[in-house]
């Protein structure tokens, strides 16, 4: 294994740790926001705390998406030595990778 490939794999390992932490935060935010929907079905007239909770959920979702799309999937393509392609190509390729993650989030 070449040094550059080992460095990429080490970097991927660190990114996966970061992803795991970010997904845990996203799951906590999601659970918190489920209770907001239960008490305020239309999400009208939210309290400041509830608005902040929803904002945190959106921010954490964006963070998970960024880690997956901008870091992990691109690095996987580099490790597999595939042509990275455009952002649309990356998103198309990532669909197979992300289905498993989405199913895990729904089950929790």
PDB file of N, CA and C in Angstrom:
ATOM      1  N   UNK A   1       0.848  -1.184   0.000  1.00  0.00           N
ATOM      2  CA  UNK A   1       0.000   0.000   0.000  1.00  0.00           C
ATOM      3  C   UNK A   1       0.887   1.239   0.000  1.00  0.00           C
ATOM      4  N   UNK A   2       0.595   2.152  -0.889  1.00  0.00           N
ATOM      5  CA  UNK A   2       1.368   3.382  -0.982  1.00  0.00           C
ATOM      6  C   UNK A   2       1.058   4.287   0.198  1.00  0.00           C
ATOM      7  N   UNK A   3       2.027   5.173   0.508  1.00  0.00           N
ATOM      8  CA  UNK A   3       1.825   6.120   1.604  1.00  0.00           C
ATOM      9  C   UNK A   3       0.605   7.000   1.373  1.00  0.00           C
ATOM     10  N   UNK A   4       0.416   7.464   0.137  1.00  0.00           N
ATOM     11  CA  UNK A   4      -0.727   8.341  -0.146  1.00  0.00           C
ATOM     12  C   UNK A   4      -2.044   7.606   0.056  1.00  0.00           C
ATOM     13  N   UNK A   5      -2.096   6.340  -0.313  1.00  0.00           N
ATOM     14  CA  UNK A   5      -3.316   5.550  -0.109  1.00  0.00           C
ATOM     15  C   UNK A   5      -3.551   5.322   1.382  1.00  0.00           C
ATOM     16  N   UNK A   6      -2.481   5.029   2.121  1.00  0.00           N
ATOM     17  CA  UNK A   6      -2.611   4.851   3.574  1.00  0.00           C
ATOM     18  C   UNK A   6      -3.092   6.141   4.224  1.00  0.00           C
ATOM     19  N   UNK A   7      -2.553   7.284   3.788  1.00  0.00           N
ATOM     20  CA  UNK A   7      -2.992   8.576   4.336  1.00  0.00           C
ATOM     21  C   UNK A   7      -4.468   8.814   4.055  1.00  0.00           C
ATOM     22  N   UNK A   8      -4.905   8.458   2.860  1.00  0.00           N
ATOM     23  CA  UNK A   8      -6.321   8.621   2.525  1.00  0.00           C
ATOM     24  C   UNK A   8      -7.202   7.731   3.393  1.00  0.00           C
ATOM     25  N   UNK A   9      -6.763   6.521   3.610  1.00  0.00           N
ATOM     26  CA  UNK A   9      -7.543   5.598   4.444  1.00  0.00           C
ATOM     27  C   UNK A   9      -7.567   6.090   5.890  1.00  0.00           C
ATOM     28  N   UNK A  10      -6.440   6.586   6.386  1.00  0.00           N
ATOM     29  CA  UNK A  10      -6.405   7.161   7.735  1.00  0.00           C
ATOM     30  C   UNK A  10      -7.337   8.365   7.834  1.00  0.00           C
ATOM     31  N   UNK A  11      -7.319   9.195   6.791  1.00  0.00           N
ATOM     32  CA  UNK A  11      -8.202  10.366   6.762  1.00  0.00           C
ATOM     33  C   UNK A  11      -9.674   9.927   6.724  1.00  0.00           C
ATOM     34  N   UNK A  12      -9.961   8.883   5.960  1.00  0.00           N
ATOM     35  CA  UNK A  12     -11.327   8.354   5.897  1.00  0.00           C
ATOM     36  C   UNK A  12     -11.766   7.854   7.267  1.00  0.00           C
ATOM     37  N   UNK A  13     -10.880   7.205   7.987  1.00  0.00           N
ATOM     38  CA  UNK A  13     -11.187   6.727   9.332  1.00  0.00           C
ATOM     39  C   UNK A  13     -11.565   7.888  10.245  1.00  0.00           C
ATOM     40  N   UNK A  14     -10.801   8.976  10.174  1.00  0.00           N
ATOM     41  CA  UNK A  14     -11.111  10.156  10.985  1.00  0.00           C
ATOM     42  C   UNK A  14     -12.446  10.777  10.571  1.00  0.00           C
ATOM     43  N   UNK A  15     -12.698  10.828   9.268  1.00  0.00           N
ATOM     44  CA  UNK A  15     -13.971  11.376   8.796  1.00  0.00           C
ATOM     45  C   UNK A  15     -15.154  10.526   9.261  1.00  0.00           C
ATOM     46  N   UNK A  16     -14.984   9.223   9.275  1.00  0.00           N
ATOM     47  CA  UNK A  16     -16.060   8.339   9.739  1.00  0.00           C
ATOM     48  C   UNK A  16     -16.335   8.535  11.232  1.00  0.00           C
ATOM     49  N   UNK A  17     -15.284   8.790  12.001  1.00  0.00           N
ATOM     50  CA  UNK A  17     -15.480   9.101  13.423  1.00  0.00           C
ATOM     51  C   UNK A  17     -16.251  10.401  13.574  1.00  0.00           C
ATOM     52  N   UNK A  18     -15.890  11.394  12.781  1.00  0.00           N
ATOM     53  CA  UNK A  18     -16.587  12.671  12.805  1.00  0.00           C
ATOM     54  C   UNK A  18     -18.040  12.505  12.364  1.00  0.00           C
ATOM     55  N   UNK A  19     -18.263  11.685  11.357  1.00  0.00           N
ATOM     56  CA  UNK A  19     -19.623  11.414  10.889  1.00  0.00           C
ATOM     57  C   UNK A  19     -20.448  10.740  11.976  1.00  0.00           C
ATOM     58  N   UNK A  20     -19.868   9.783  12.654  1.00  0.00           N
ATOM     59  CA  UNK A  20     -20.579   9.080  13.728  1.00  0.00           C
ATOM     60  C   UNK A  20     -21.010  10.047  14.814  1.00  0.00           C
ATOM     61  N   UNK A  21     -20.116  10.927  15.203  1.00  0.00           N
ATOM     62  CA  UNK A  21     -20.434  11.935  16.210  1.00  0.00           C
ATOM     63  C   UNK A  21     -21.532  12.872  15.713  1.00  0.00           C
ATOM     64  N   UNK A  22     -21.433  13.297  14.465  1.00  0.00           N
ATOM     65  CA  UNK A  22     -22.424  14.211  13.898  1.00  0.00           C
ATOM     66  C   UNK A  22     -23.791  13.552  13.767  1.00  0.00           C
ATOM     67  N   UNK A  23     -23.813  12.286  13.402  1.00  0.00           N
ATOM     68  CA  UNK A  23     -25.089  11.561  13.295  1.00  0.00           C
ATOM     69  C   UNK A  23     -25.726  11.421  14.677  1.00  0.00           C
ATOM     70  N   UNK A  24     -24.928  11.184  15.697  1.00  0.00           N
ATOM     71  CA  UNK A  24     -25.466  11.103  17.058  1.00  0.00           C
ATOM     72  C   UNK A  24     -26.119  12.426  17.468  1.00  0.00           C
ATOM     73  N   UNK A  25     -25.466  13.522  17.152  1.00  0.00           N
ATOM     74  CA  UNK A  25     -26.036  14.840  17.452  1.00  0.00           C
ATOM     75  C   UNK A  25     -27.315  15.067  16.660  1.00  0.00           C
ATOM     76  N   UNK A  26     -27.310  14.654  15.403  1.00  0.00           N
ATOM     77  CA  UNK A  26     -28.503  14.789  14.566  1.00  0.00           C
ATOM     78  C   UNK A  26     -29.653  13.966  15.131  1.00  0.00           C
ATOM     79  N   UNK A  27     -29.383  12.761  15.581  1.00  0.00           N
ATOM     80  CA  UNK A  27     -30.427  11.916  16.151  1.00  0.00           C
ATOM     81  C   UNK A  27     -31.016  12.541  17.418  1.00  0.00           C
ATOM     82  N   UNK A  28     -30.162  13.109  18.273  1.00  0.00           N
ATOM     83  CA  UNK A  28     -30.664  13.771  19.479  1.00  0.00           C
ATOM     84  C   UNK A  28     -31.559  14.955  19.115  1.00  0.00           C
ATOM     85  N   UNK A  29     -31.120  15.749  18.145  1.00  0.00           N
ATOM     86  CA  UNK A  29     -31.927  16.888  17.707  1.00  0.00           C
ATOM     87  C   UNK A  29     -33.256  16.426  17.118  1.00  0.00           C
ATOM     88  N   UNK A  30     -33.213  15.375  16.341  1.00  0.00           N
ATOM     89  CA  UNK A  30     -34.438  14.848  15.737  1.00  0.00           C
ATOM     90  C   UNK A  30     -35.425  14.404  16.811  1.00  0.00           C
ATOM     91  N   UNK A  31     -34.939  13.702  17.818  1.00  0.00           N
ATOM     92  CA  UNK A  31     -35.824  13.250  18.902  1.00  0.00           C
ATOM     93  C   UNK A  31     -36.432  14.447  19.634  1.00  0.00           C
ATOM     94  N   UNK A  32     -35.630  15.459  19.867  1.00  0.00           N
ATOM     95  CA  UNK A  32     -36.115  16.667  20.538  1.00  0.00           C
ATOM     96  C   UNK A  32     -37.177  17.363  19.683  1.00  0.00           C
ATOM     97  N   UNK A  33     -36.952  17.431  18.400  1.00  0.00           N
ATOM     98  CA  UNK A  33     -37.888  18.130  17.505  1.00  0.00           C
ATOM     99  C   UNK A  33     -39.161  17.338  17.258  1.00  0.00           C
ATOM    100  N   UNK A  34     -39.120  16.027  17.421  1.00  0.00           N
ATOM    101  CA  UNK A  34     -40.357  15.245  17.308  1.00  0.00           C
ATOM    102  C   UNK A  34     -41.360  15.685  18.361  1.00  0.00           C
ATOM    103  N   UNK A  35     -40.870  16.006  19.550  1.00  0.00           N
ATOM    104  CA  UNK A  35     -41.769  16.454  20.615  1.00  0.00           C
ATOM    105  C   UNK A  35     -42.350  17.830  20.306  1.00  0.00           C
ATOM    106  N   UNK A  36     -41.626  18.652  19.570  1.00  0.00           N
ATOM    107  CA  UNK A  36     -42.134  19.972  19.177  1.00  0.00           C
ATOM    108  C   UNK A  36     -43.329  19.792  18.249  1.00  0.00           C
ATOM    109  N   UNK A  37     -43.202  18.891  17.301  1.00  0.00           N
ATOM    110  CA  UNK A  37     -44.298  18.644  16.367  1.00  0.00           C
ATOM    111  C   UNK A  37     -45.520  18.089  17.092  1.00  0.00           C
ATOM    112  N   UNK A  38     -45.290  17.244  18.085  1.00  0.00           N
ATOM    113  CA  UNK A  38     -46.406  16.651  18.827  1.00  0.00           C
ATOM    114  C   UNK A  38     -47.200  17.700  19.597  1.00  0.00           C
ATOM    115  N   UNK A  39     -46.523  18.716  20.124  1.00  0.00           N
ATOM    116  CA  UNK A  39     -47.227  19.723  20.914  1.00  0.00           C
ATOM    117  C   UNK A  39     -47.703  20.906  20.072  1.00  0.00           C
ATOM    118  N   UNK A  40     -47.182  21.055  18.857  1.00  0.00           N
ATOM    119  CA  UNK A  40     -47.559  22.167  17.995  1.00  0.00           C
ATOM    120  C   UNK A  40     -47.579  21.662  16.558  1.00  0.00           C
ATOM    121  N   UNK A  41     -48.680  21.031  16.171  1.00  0.00           N
ATOM    122  CA  UNK A  41     -48.779  20.334  14.888  1.00  0.00           C
ATOM    123  C   UNK A  41     -48.464  21.227  13.688  1.00  0.00           C
ATOM    124  N   UNK A  42     -48.896  22.464  13.698  1.00  0.00           N
ATOM    125  CA  UNK A  42     -48.699  23.359  12.561  1.00  0.00           C
ATOM    126  C   UNK A  42     -47.374  24.119  12.620  1.00  0.00           C
ATOM    127  N   UNK A  43     -46.651  23.994  13.709  1.00  0.00           N
ATOM    128  CA  UNK A  43     -45.379  24.682  13.916  1.00  0.00           C
ATOM    129  C   UNK A  43     -45.522  26.205  13.786  1.00  0.00           C
ATOM    130  N   UNK A  44     -46.691  26.705  14.199  1.00  0.00           N
ATOM    131  CA  UNK A  44     -46.955  28.142  14.182  1.00  0.00           C
ATOM    132  C   UNK A  44     -46.852  28.663  15.611  1.00  0.00           C
ATOM    133  N   UNK A  45     -46.229  29.834  15.765  1.00  0.00           N
ATOM    134  CA  UNK A  45     -46.095  30.437  17.087  1.00  0.00           C
ATOM    135  C   UNK A  45     -45.154  29.674  17.996  1.00  0.00           C
ATOM    136  N   UNK A  46     -44.046  29.242  17.449  1.00  0.00           N
ATOM    137  CA  UNK A  46     -43.081  28.472  18.234  1.00  0.00           C
ATOM    138  C   UNK A  46     -42.385  29.362  19.259  1.00  0.00           C
ATOM    139  N   UNK A  47     -42.039  28.753  20.356  1.00  0.00           N
ATOM    140  CA  UNK A  47     -41.260  29.471  21.353  1.00  0.00           C
ATOM    141  C   UNK A  47     -39.832  29.652  20.830  1.00  0.00           C
ATOM    142  N   UNK A  48     -39.085  30.533  21.489  1.00  0.00           N
ATOM    143  CA  UNK A  48     -37.701  30.778  21.108  1.00  0.00           C
ATOM    144  C   UNK A  48     -36.882  29.496  21.225  1.00  0.00           C
ATOM    145  N   UNK A  49     -37.118  28.723  22.283  1.00  0.00           N
ATOM    146  CA  UNK A  49     -36.381  27.477  22.503  1.00  0.00           C
ATOM    147  C   UNK A  49     -36.691  26.459  21.407  1.00  0.00           C
ATOM    148  N   UNK A  50     -37.977  26.364  21.032  1.00  0.00           N
ATOM    149  CA  UNK A  50     -38.347  25.422  19.985  1.00  0.00           C
ATOM    150  C   UNK A  50     -37.759  25.832  18.640  1.00  0.00           C
ATOM    151  N   UNK A  51     -37.771  27.113  18.353  1.00  0.00           N
ATOM    152  CA  UNK A  51     -37.166  27.608  17.109  1.00  0.00           C
ATOM    153  C   UNK A  51     -35.679  27.287  17.075  1.00  0.00           C
ATOM    154  N   UNK A  52     -35.007  27.461  18.189  1.00  0.00           N
ATOM    155  CA  UNK A  52     -33.581  27.132  18.262  1.00  0.00           C
ATOM    156  C   UNK A  52     -33.337  25.639  18.069  1.00  0.00           C
ATOM    157  N   UNK A  53     -34.224  24.829  18.624  1.00  0.00           N
ATOM    158  CA  UNK A  53     -34.088  23.381  18.451  1.00  0.00           C
ATOM    159  C   UNK A  53     -34.226  22.983  16.987  1.00  0.00           C
ATOM    160  N   UNK A  54     -35.199  23.586  16.291  1.00  0.00           N
ATOM    161  CA  UNK A  54     -35.382  23.290  14.868  1.00  0.00           C
ATOM    162  C   UNK A  54     -34.196  23.793  14.042  1.00  0.00           C
ATOM    163  N   UNK A  55     -33.684  24.942  14.410  1.00  0.00           N
ATOM    164  CA  UNK A  55     -32.508  25.477  13.718  1.00  0.00           C
ATOM    165  C   UNK A  55     -31.303  24.564  13.924  1.00  0.00           C
ATOM    166  N   UNK A  56     -31.139  24.047  15.134  1.00  0.00           N
ATOM    167  CA  UNK A  56     -30.038  23.121  15.419  1.00  0.00           C
ATOM    168  C   UNK A  56     -30.187  21.844  14.604  1.00  0.00           C
ATOM    169  N   UNK A  57     -31.419  21.356  14.469  1.00  0.00           N
ATOM    170  CA  UNK A  57     -31.666  20.153  13.664  1.00  0.00           C
ATOM    171  C   UNK A  57     -31.237  20.391  12.219  1.00  0.00           C
ATOM    172  N   UNK A  58     -31.642  21.510  11.655  1.00  0.00           N
ATOM    173  CA  UNK A  58     -31.273  21.832  10.266  1.00  0.00           C
ATOM    174  C   UNK A  58     -29.759  21.956  10.114  1.00  0.00           C
ATOM    175  N   UNK A  59     -29.121  22.595  11.062  1.00  0.00           N
ATOM    176  CA  UNK A  59     -27.681  22.778  11.019  1.00  0.00           C
ATOM    177  C   UNK A  59     -26.953  21.435  11.116  1.00  0.00           C
ATOM    178  N   UNK A  60     -27.432  20.586  11.982  1.00  0.00           N
ATOM    179  CA  UNK A  60     -26.793  19.276  12.149  1.00  0.00           C
ATOM    180  C   UNK A  60     -27.019  18.390  10.930  1.00  0.00           C
ATOM    181  N   UNK A  61     -28.194  18.500  10.313  1.00  0.00           N
ATOM    182  CA  UNK A  61     -28.442  17.763   9.077  1.00  0.00           C
ATOM    183  C   UNK A  61     -27.485  18.242   7.986  1.00  0.00           C
ATOM    184  N   UNK A  62     -27.304  19.548   7.882  1.00  0.00           N
ATOM    185  CA  UNK A  62     -26.382  20.106   6.886  1.00  0.00           C
ATOM    186  C   UNK A  62     -24.957  19.619   7.139  1.00  0.00           C
ATOM    187  N   UNK A  63     -24.561  19.540   8.394  1.00  0.00           N
ATOM    188  CA  UNK A  63     -23.216  19.076   8.749  1.00  0.00           C
ATOM    189  C   UNK A  63     -23.019  17.620   8.313  1.00  0.00           C
ATOM    190  N   UNK A  64     -24.002  16.764   8.596  1.00  0.00           N
ATOM    191  CA  UNK A  64     -23.904  15.364   8.180  1.00  0.00           C
ATOM    192  C   UNK A  64     -23.835  15.273   6.654  1.00  0.00           C
ATOM    193  N   UNK A  65     -24.666  16.046   5.974  1.00  0.00           N
ATOM    194  CA  UNK A  65     -24.667  16.045   4.507  1.00  0.00           C
ATOM    195  C   UNK A  65     -23.310  16.494   3.959  1.00  0.00           C
ATOM    196  N   UNK A  66     -22.749  17.530   4.546  1.00  0.00           N
ATOM    197  CA  UNK A  66     -21.441  18.030   4.105  1.00  0.00           C
ATOM    198  C   UNK A  66     -20.349  16.978   4.296  1.00  0.00           C
ATOM    199  N   UNK A  67     -20.346  16.346   5.443  1.00  0.00           N
ATOM    200  CA  UNK A  67     -19.327  15.326   5.700  1.00  0.00           C
ATOM    201  C   UNK A  67     -19.447  14.197   4.678  1.00  0.00           C
ATOM    202  N   UNK A  68     -20.687  13.771   4.422  1.00  0.00           N
ATOM    203  CA  UNK A  68     -20.889  12.681   3.468  1.00  0.00           C
ATOM    204  C   UNK A  68     -20.520  13.090   2.050  1.00  0.00           C
ATOM    205  N   UNK A  69     -21.109  14.180   1.575  1.00  0.00           N
ATOM    206  CA  UNK A  69     -20.967  14.546   0.168  1.00  0.00           C
ATOM    207  C   UNK A  69     -19.635  15.197  -0.160  1.00  0.00           C
ATOM    208  N   UNK A  70     -19.188  16.098   0.687  1.00  0.00           N
ATOM    209  CA  UNK A  70     -17.983  16.865   0.363  1.00  0.00           C
ATOM    210  C   UNK A  70     -16.699  16.197   0.831  1.00  0.00           C
ATOM    211  N   UNK A  71     -16.817  15.251   1.723  1.00  0.00           N
ATOM    212  CA  UNK A  71     -15.607  14.626   2.258  1.00  0.00           C
ATOM    213  C   UNK A  71     -15.553  13.127   1.984  1.00  0.00           C
ATOM    214  N   UNK A  72     -16.477  12.381   2.565  1.00  0.00           N
ATOM    215  CA  UNK A  72     -16.382  10.919   2.549  1.00  0.00           C
ATOM    216  C   UNK A  72     -16.554  10.339   1.152  1.00  0.00           C
ATOM    217  N   UNK A  73     -17.614  10.720   0.448  1.00  0.00           N
ATOM    218  CA  UNK A  73     -17.852  10.118  -0.863  1.00  0.00           C
ATOM    219  C   UNK A  73     -16.746  10.481  -1.858  1.00  0.00           C
ATOM    220  N   UNK A  74     -16.246  11.694  -1.790  1.00  0.00           N
ATOM    221  CA  UNK A  74     -15.144  12.088  -2.669  1.00  0.00           C
ATOM    222  C   UNK A  74     -13.885  11.283  -2.325  1.00  0.00           C
ATOM    223  N   UNK A  75     -13.618  11.130  -1.038  1.00  0.00           N
ATOM    224  CA  UNK A  75     -12.434  10.373  -0.623  1.00  0.00           C
ATOM    225  C   UNK A  75     -12.552   8.901  -1.014  1.00  0.00           C
ATOM    226  N   UNK A  76     -13.740   8.333  -0.900  1.00  0.00           N
ATOM    227  CA  UNK A  76     -13.937   6.938  -1.323  1.00  0.00           C
ATOM    228  C   UNK A  76     -13.630   6.799  -2.810  1.00  0.00           C
ATOM    229  N   UNK A  77     -14.132   7.738  -3.612  1.00  0.00           N
ATOM    230  CA  UNK A  77     -13.825   7.706  -5.042  1.00  0.00           C
ATOM    231  C   UNK A  77     -12.328   7.806  -5.295  1.00  0.00           C
ATOM    232  N   UNK A  78     -11.643   8.651  -4.530  1.00  0.00           N
ATOM    233  CA  UNK A  78     -10.190   8.780  -4.694  1.00  0.00           C
ATOM    234  C   UNK A  78      -9.481   7.490  -4.317  1.00  0.00           C
ATOM    235  N   UNK A  79      -9.920   6.856  -3.245  1.00  0.00           N
ATOM    236  CA  UNK A  79      -9.309   5.592  -2.815  1.00  0.00           C
ATOM    237  C   UNK A  79      -9.545   4.512  -3.863  1.00  0.00           C
ATOM    238  N   UNK A  80     -10.763   4.489  -4.410  1.00  0.00           N
ATOM    239  CA  UNK A  80     -11.085   3.511  -5.450  1.00  0.00           C
ATOM    240  C   UNK A  80     -10.514   3.922  -6.801  1.00  0.00           C
ATOM    241  N   UNK A  81      -9.901   5.087  -6.840  1.00  0.00           N
ATOM    242  CA  UNK A  81      -9.274   5.647  -8.028  1.00  0.00           C
ATOM    243  C   UNK A  81     -10.259   5.775  -9.178  1.00  0.00           C
ATOM    244  N   UNK A  82     -11.465   6.211  -8.840  1.00  0.00           N
ATOM    245  CA  UNK A  82     -12.478   6.483  -9.845  1.00  0.00           C
ATOM    246  C   UNK A  82     -12.466   7.961 -10.160  1.00  0.00           C
ATOM    247  N   UNK A  83     -12.969   8.281 -11.337  1.00  0.00           N
ATOM    248  CA  UNK A  83     -13.135   9.676 -11.709  1.00  0.00           C
ATOM    249  C   UNK A  83     -14.208  10.273 -10.800  1.00  0.00           C
ATOM    250  N   UNK A  84     -13.863  11.352 -10.104  1.00  0.00           N
ATOM    251  CA  UNK A  84     -14.783  11.946  -9.145  1.00  0.00           C
ATOM    252  C   UNK A  84     -15.994  12.535  -9.848  1.00  0.00           C
ATOM    253  N   UNK A  85     -15.797  13.219 -10.936  1.00  0.00           N
ATOM    254  CA  UNK A  85     -16.906  13.775 -11.692  1.00  0.00           C
ATOM    255  C   UNK A  85     -17.476  15.023 -11.055  1.00  0.00           C
ATOM    256  N   UNK A  86     -18.626  15.408 -11.545  1.00  0.00           N
ATOM    257  CA  UNK A  86     -19.290  16.623 -11.070  1.00  0.00           C
ATOM    258  C   UNK A  86     -20.016  16.366  -9.756  1.00  0.00           C
ATOM    259  N   UNK A  87     -20.549  17.437  -9.184  1.00  0.00           N
ATOM    260  CA  UNK A  87     -21.331  17.280  -7.950  1.00  0.00           C
ATOM    261  C   UNK A  87     -22.531  16.370  -8.174  1.00  0.00           C
ATOM    262  N   UNK A  88     -23.141  16.454  -9.338  1.00  0.00           N
ATOM    263  CA  UNK A  88     -24.283  15.579  -9.632  1.00  0.00           C
ATOM    264  C   UNK A  88     -23.838  14.126  -9.669  1.00  0.00           C
ATOM    265  N   UNK A  89     -22.665  13.865 -10.241  1.00  0.00           N
ATOM    266  CA  UNK A  89     -22.130  12.505 -10.261  1.00  0.00           C
ATOM    267  C   UNK A  89     -21.883  12.001  -8.847  1.00  0.00           C
ATOM    268  N   UNK A  90     -21.335  12.867  -8.008  1.00  0.00           N
ATOM    269  CA  UNK A  90     -21.049  12.486  -6.622  1.00  0.00           C
ATOM    270  C   UNK A  90     -22.355  12.144  -5.901  1.00  0.00           C
ATOM    271  N   UNK A  91     -23.372  12.970  -6.102  1.00  0.00           N
ATOM    272  CA  UNK A  91     -24.666  12.720  -5.457  1.00  0.00           C
ATOM    273  C   UNK A  91     -25.270  11.422  -5.966  1.00  0.00           C
ATOM    274  N   UNK A  92     -25.192  11.185  -7.258  1.00  0.00           N
ATOM    275  CA  UNK A  92     -25.734   9.945  -7.822  1.00  0.00           C
ATOM    276  C   UNK A  92     -25.028   8.717  -7.254  1.00  0.00           C
ATOM    277  N   UNK A  93     -23.693   8.794  -7.176  1.00  0.00           N
ATOM    278  CA  UNK A  93     -22.931   7.671  -6.632  1.00  0.00           C
ATOM    279  C   UNK A  93     -23.220   7.461  -5.144  1.00  0.00           C
ATOM    280  N   UNK A  94     -23.482   8.568  -4.454  1.00  0.00           N
ATOM    281  CA  UNK A  94     -23.658   8.483  -3.006  1.00  0.00           C
ATOM    282  C   UNK A  94     -25.000   7.890  -2.607  1.00  0.00           C
ATOM    283  N   UNK A  95     -25.937   7.821  -3.533  1.00  0.00           N
ATOM    284  CA  UNK A  95     -27.260   7.309  -3.196  1.00  0.00           C
ATOM    285  C   UNK A  95     -27.185   5.906  -2.602  1.00  0.00           C
ATOM    286  N   UNK A  96     -26.404   5.050  -3.211  1.00  0.00           N
ATOM    287  CA  UNK A  96     -26.275   3.681  -2.703  1.00  0.00           C
ATOM    288  C   UNK A  96     -25.661   3.670  -1.311  1.00  0.00           C
ATOM    289  N   UNK A  97     -24.654   4.544  -1.089  1.00  0.00           N
ATOM    290  CA  UNK A  97     -24.011   4.602   0.215  1.00  0.00           C
ATOM    291  C   UNK A  97     -24.975   5.123   1.289  1.00  0.00           C
ATOM    292  N   UNK A  98     -25.795   6.074   0.920  1.00  0.00           N
ATOM    293  CA  UNK A  98     -26.623   6.757   1.911  1.00  0.00           C
ATOM    294  C   UNK A  98     -27.896   6.005   2.279  1.00  0.00           C
ATOM    295  N   UNK A  99     -28.351   5.089   1.441  1.00  0.00           N
ATOM    296  CA  UNK A  99     -29.585   4.348   1.755  1.00  0.00           C
ATOM    297  C   UNK A  99     -29.471   3.628   3.094  1.00  0.00           C
ATOM    298  N   UNK A 100     -28.330   3.038   3.340  1.00  0.00           N
ATOM    299  CA  UNK A 100     -28.126   2.323   4.601  1.00  0.00           C
ATOM    300  C   UNK A 100     -28.178   3.276   5.791  1.00  0.00           C
ATOM    301  N   UNK A 101     -27.552   4.443   5.660  1.00  0.00           N
ATOM    302  CA  UNK A 101     -27.554   5.429   6.743  1.00  0.00           C
ATOM    303  C   UNK A 101     -28.966   5.910   7.026  1.00  0.00           C
ATOM    304  N   UNK A 102     -29.739   6.189   5.991  1.00  0.00           N
ATOM    305  CA  UNK A 102     -31.121   6.679   6.160  1.00  0.00           C
ATOM    306  C   UNK A 102     -31.962   5.629   6.873  1.00  0.00           C
ATOM    307  N   UNK A 103     -31.803   4.373   6.492  1.00  0.00           N
ATOM    308  CA  UNK A 103     -32.573   3.311   7.154  1.00  0.00           C
ATOM    309  C   UNK A 103     -32.226   3.230   8.636  1.00  0.00           C
ATOM    310  N   UNK A 104     -30.956   3.397   8.980  1.00  0.00           N
ATOM    311  CA  UNK A 104     -30.550   3.359  10.380  1.00  0.00           C
ATOM    312  C   UNK A 104     -31.148   4.530  11.155  1.00  0.00           C
ATOM    313  N   UNK A 105     -31.178   5.714  10.555  1.00  0.00           N
ATOM    314  CA  UNK A 105     -31.759   6.879  11.222  1.00  0.00           C
ATOM    315  C   UNK A 105     -33.254   6.692  11.451  1.00  0.00           C
ATOM    316  N   UNK A 106     -33.940   6.126  10.482  1.00  0.00           N
ATOM    317  CA  UNK A 106     -35.383   5.903  10.628  1.00  0.00           C
ATOM    318  C   UNK A 106     -35.693   4.875  11.703  1.00  0.00           C
ATOM    319  N   UNK A 107     -34.831   3.914  11.873  1.00  0.00           N
ATOM    320  CA  UNK A 107     -35.061   2.855  12.854  1.00  0.00           C
ATOM    321  C   UNK A 107     -34.816   3.319  14.284  1.00  0.00           C
ATOM    322  N   UNK A 108     -34.046   4.383  14.448  1.00  0.00           N
ATOM    323  CA  UNK A 108     -33.728   4.821  15.804  1.00  0.00           C
ATOM    324  C   UNK A 108     -34.798   5.715  16.380  1.00  0.00           C
TER     325      UNK A 108
END
